[in-house]
Amino acid sequence: MSLAAADIIGAVLAFGAVYITYAVFTGALAIRILDFLLLAGILVVAVRLTFQCLKPRVSSGTFPVSRVLAGAYGLFLVLAAFFCITQLFVSK
């Protein structure tokens, strides 16, 4: 669960960095590339977290509900990153 907590804080900070740089620099190409790289990093971490959380762990002693909730959070984070990546290059 500490990995999920770190992922939550990291996602808030990274999504904040994406939106602030995009708003301040009004969507210049270099900023869009930087934001894409930040979102790609979020995507990689979220996919890794989701796969780790949803993997069956019989011997670890974790509660299934916490694994499912952390996995669902990871899936929502993946969807949010995909949405932001598409909006980054579609919107003007």
C-alpha atoms as a PDB file:
ATOM      1  CA  MET A   1       0.000   0.000   0.000  1.00  0.00           C
ATOM      2  CA  SER A   2       2.924   2.353   0.458  1.00  0.00           C
ATOM      3  CA  LEU A   3       3.612   2.026  -3.271  1.00  0.00           C
ATOM      4  CA  ALA A   4       0.036   3.081  -3.987  1.00  0.00           C
ATOM      5  CA  ALA A   5       0.335   6.060  -1.618  1.00  0.00           C
ATOM      6  CA  ALA A   6       3.534   7.151  -3.330  1.00  0.00           C
ATOM      7  CA  ASP A   7       1.809   6.752  -6.680  1.00  0.00           C
ATOM      8  CA  ILE A   8      -1.071   8.975  -5.569  1.00  0.00           C
ATOM      9  CA  ILE A   9       1.263  11.756  -4.459  1.00  0.00           C
ATOM     10  CA  GLY A  10       3.389  11.387  -7.582  1.00  0.00           C
ATOM     11  CA  ALA A  11       0.360  11.492  -9.853  1.00  0.00           C
ATOM     12  CA  VAL A  12      -0.972  14.638  -8.199  1.00  0.00           C
ATOM     13  CA  LEU A  13       2.397  16.349  -8.572  1.00  0.00           C
ATOM     14  CA  ALA A  14       2.951  15.162 -12.148  1.00  0.00           C
ATOM     15  CA  PHE A  15      -0.557  16.052 -13.341  1.00  0.00           C
ATOM     16  CA  GLY A  16      -0.111  19.421 -11.661  1.00  0.00           C
ATOM     17  CA  ALA A  17       3.140  19.940 -13.554  1.00  0.00           C
ATOM     18  CA  VAL A  18       1.449  19.046 -16.834  1.00  0.00           C
ATOM     19  CA  TYR A  19      -1.413  21.491 -16.357  1.00  0.00           C
ATOM     20  CA  ILE A  20       0.697  24.352 -15.004  1.00  0.00           C
ATOM     21  CA  THR A  21       3.280  24.195 -17.798  1.00  0.00           C
ATOM     22  CA  TYR A  22       0.571  23.901 -20.432  1.00  0.00           C
ATOM     23  CA  ALA A  23      -1.320  26.893 -19.010  1.00  0.00           C
ATOM     24  CA  VAL A  24       1.699  29.133 -18.456  1.00  0.00           C
ATOM     25  CA  PHE A  25       3.362  28.558 -21.823  1.00  0.00           C
ATOM     26  CA  THR A  26       0.079  28.410 -23.808  1.00  0.00           C
ATOM     27  CA  GLY A  27       0.751  25.081 -25.456  1.00  0.00           C
ATOM     28  CA  ALA A  28       4.047  25.629 -27.262  1.00  0.00           C
ATOM     29  CA  LEU A  29       5.413  22.586 -29.075  1.00  0.00           C
ATOM     30  CA  ALA A  30       8.334  22.090 -26.681  1.00  0.00           C
ATOM     31  CA  ILE A  31       5.960  22.215 -23.709  1.00  0.00           C
ATOM     32  CA  ARG A  32       3.634  19.713 -25.367  1.00  0.00           C
ATOM     33  CA  ILE A  33       6.579  17.351 -25.808  1.00  0.00           C
ATOM     34  CA  LEU A  34       7.582  17.831 -22.151  1.00  0.00           C
ATOM     35  CA  ASP A  35       4.006  17.214 -21.030  1.00  0.00           C
ATOM     36  CA  PHE A  36       3.831  14.108 -23.217  1.00  0.00           C
ATOM     37  CA  LEU A  37       6.958  12.737 -21.555  1.00  0.00           C
ATOM     38  CA  LEU A  38       5.528  13.429 -18.099  1.00  0.00           C
ATOM     39  CA  LEU A  39       2.263  11.716 -19.025  1.00  0.00           C
ATOM     40  CA  ALA A  40       4.121   8.762 -20.525  1.00  0.00           C
ATOM     41  CA  GLY A  41       5.972   8.393 -17.214  1.00  0.00           C
ATOM     42  CA  ILE A  42       2.672   8.422 -15.333  1.00  0.00           C
ATOM     43  CA  LEU A  43       1.348   5.819 -17.741  1.00  0.00           C
ATOM     44  CA  VAL A  44       4.299   3.469 -17.221  1.00  0.00           C
ATOM     45  CA  VAL A  45       4.163   3.723 -13.436  1.00  0.00           C
ATOM     46  CA  ALA A  46       0.381   3.294 -13.346  1.00  0.00           C
ATOM     47  CA  VAL A  47       0.465   0.206 -15.574  1.00  0.00           C
ATOM     48  CA  ARG A  48       3.205  -1.334 -13.437  1.00  0.00           C
ATOM     49  CA  LEU A  49       1.285  -0.568 -10.251  1.00  0.00           C
ATOM     50  CA  THR A  50      -1.920  -2.013 -11.672  1.00  0.00           C
ATOM     51  CA  PHE A  51      -0.267  -5.255 -12.708  1.00  0.00           C
ATOM     52  CA  GLN A  52       1.425  -5.616  -9.323  1.00  0.00           C
ATOM     53  CA  CYS A  53      -1.792  -4.961  -7.432  1.00  0.00           C
ATOM     54  CA  LEU A  54      -3.994  -7.265  -9.465  1.00  0.00           C
ATOM     55  CA  LYS A  55      -1.534 -10.158  -9.438  1.00  0.00           C
ATOM     56  CA  PRO A  56      -2.737 -12.913  -7.078  1.00  0.00           C
ATOM     57  CA  ARG A  57      -0.624 -12.990  -3.928  1.00  0.00           C
ATOM     58  CA  VAL A  58      -1.610 -15.914  -1.787  1.00  0.00           C
ATOM     59  CA  SER A  59       1.424 -15.983   0.456  1.00  0.00           C
ATOM     60  CA  SER A  60       1.843 -12.228   0.999  1.00  0.00           C
ATOM     61  CA  GLY A  61      -0.982 -11.873   3.510  1.00  0.00           C
ATOM     62  CA  THR A  62      -2.545  -8.797   1.946  1.00  0.00           C
ATOM     63  CA  PHE A  63      -6.262  -8.223   1.916  1.00  0.00           C
ATOM     64  CA  PRO A  64      -7.937  -8.771  -1.455  1.00  0.00           C
ATOM     65  CA  VAL A  65     -10.034  -5.618  -1.074  1.00  0.00           C
ATOM     66  CA  SER A  66      -6.963  -3.396  -0.767  1.00  0.00           C
ATOM     67  CA  ARG A  67      -5.399  -5.011  -3.835  1.00  0.00           C
ATOM     68  CA  VAL A  68      -8.566  -4.479  -5.856  1.00  0.00           C
ATOM     69  CA  LEU A  69      -8.928  -0.841  -4.745  1.00  0.00           C
ATOM     70  CA  ALA A  70      -5.290  -0.069  -5.531  1.00  0.00           C
ATOM     71  CA  GLY A  71      -5.665  -1.833  -8.893  1.00  0.00           C
ATOM     72  CA  ALA A  72      -8.805   0.150  -9.687  1.00  0.00           C
ATOM     73  CA  TYR A  73      -6.985   3.375  -8.822  1.00  0.00           C
ATOM     74  CA  GLY A  74      -4.191   2.357 -11.169  1.00  0.00           C
ATOM     75  CA  LEU A  75      -6.680   1.675 -13.967  1.00  0.00           C
ATOM     76  CA  PHE A  76      -8.314   5.072 -13.473  1.00  0.00           C
ATOM     77  CA  LEU A  77      -4.869   6.687 -13.530  1.00  0.00           C
ATOM     78  CA  VAL A  78      -4.060   4.909 -16.806  1.00  0.00           C
ATOM     79  CA  LEU A  79      -7.333   6.151 -18.310  1.00  0.00           C
ATOM     80  CA  ALA A  80      -6.657   9.694 -17.106  1.00  0.00           C
ATOM     81  CA  ALA A  81      -3.167   9.651 -18.632  1.00  0.00           C
ATOM     82  CA  PHE A  82      -4.525   8.363 -21.961  1.00  0.00           C
ATOM     83  CA  PHE A  83      -7.206  11.057 -21.931  1.00  0.00           C
ATOM     84  CA  CYS A  84      -4.675  13.811 -21.198  1.00  0.00           C
ATOM     85  CA  ILE A  85      -2.312  12.557 -23.923  1.00  0.00           C
ATOM     86  CA  THR A  86      -5.083  12.624 -26.493  1.00  0.00           C
ATOM     87  CA  GLN A  87      -6.286  16.052 -25.376  1.00  0.00           C
ATOM     88  CA  LEU A  88      -2.725  17.359 -25.428  1.00  0.00           C
ATOM     89  CA  PHE A  89      -2.409  16.945 -29.180  1.00  0.00           C
ATOM     90  CA  VAL A  90      -6.062  17.259 -30.235  1.00  0.00           C
ATOM     91  CA  SER A  91      -6.908  20.534 -28.476  1.00  0.00           C
ATOM     92  CA  LYS A  92      -5.653  23.870 -29.719  1.00  0.00           C
END
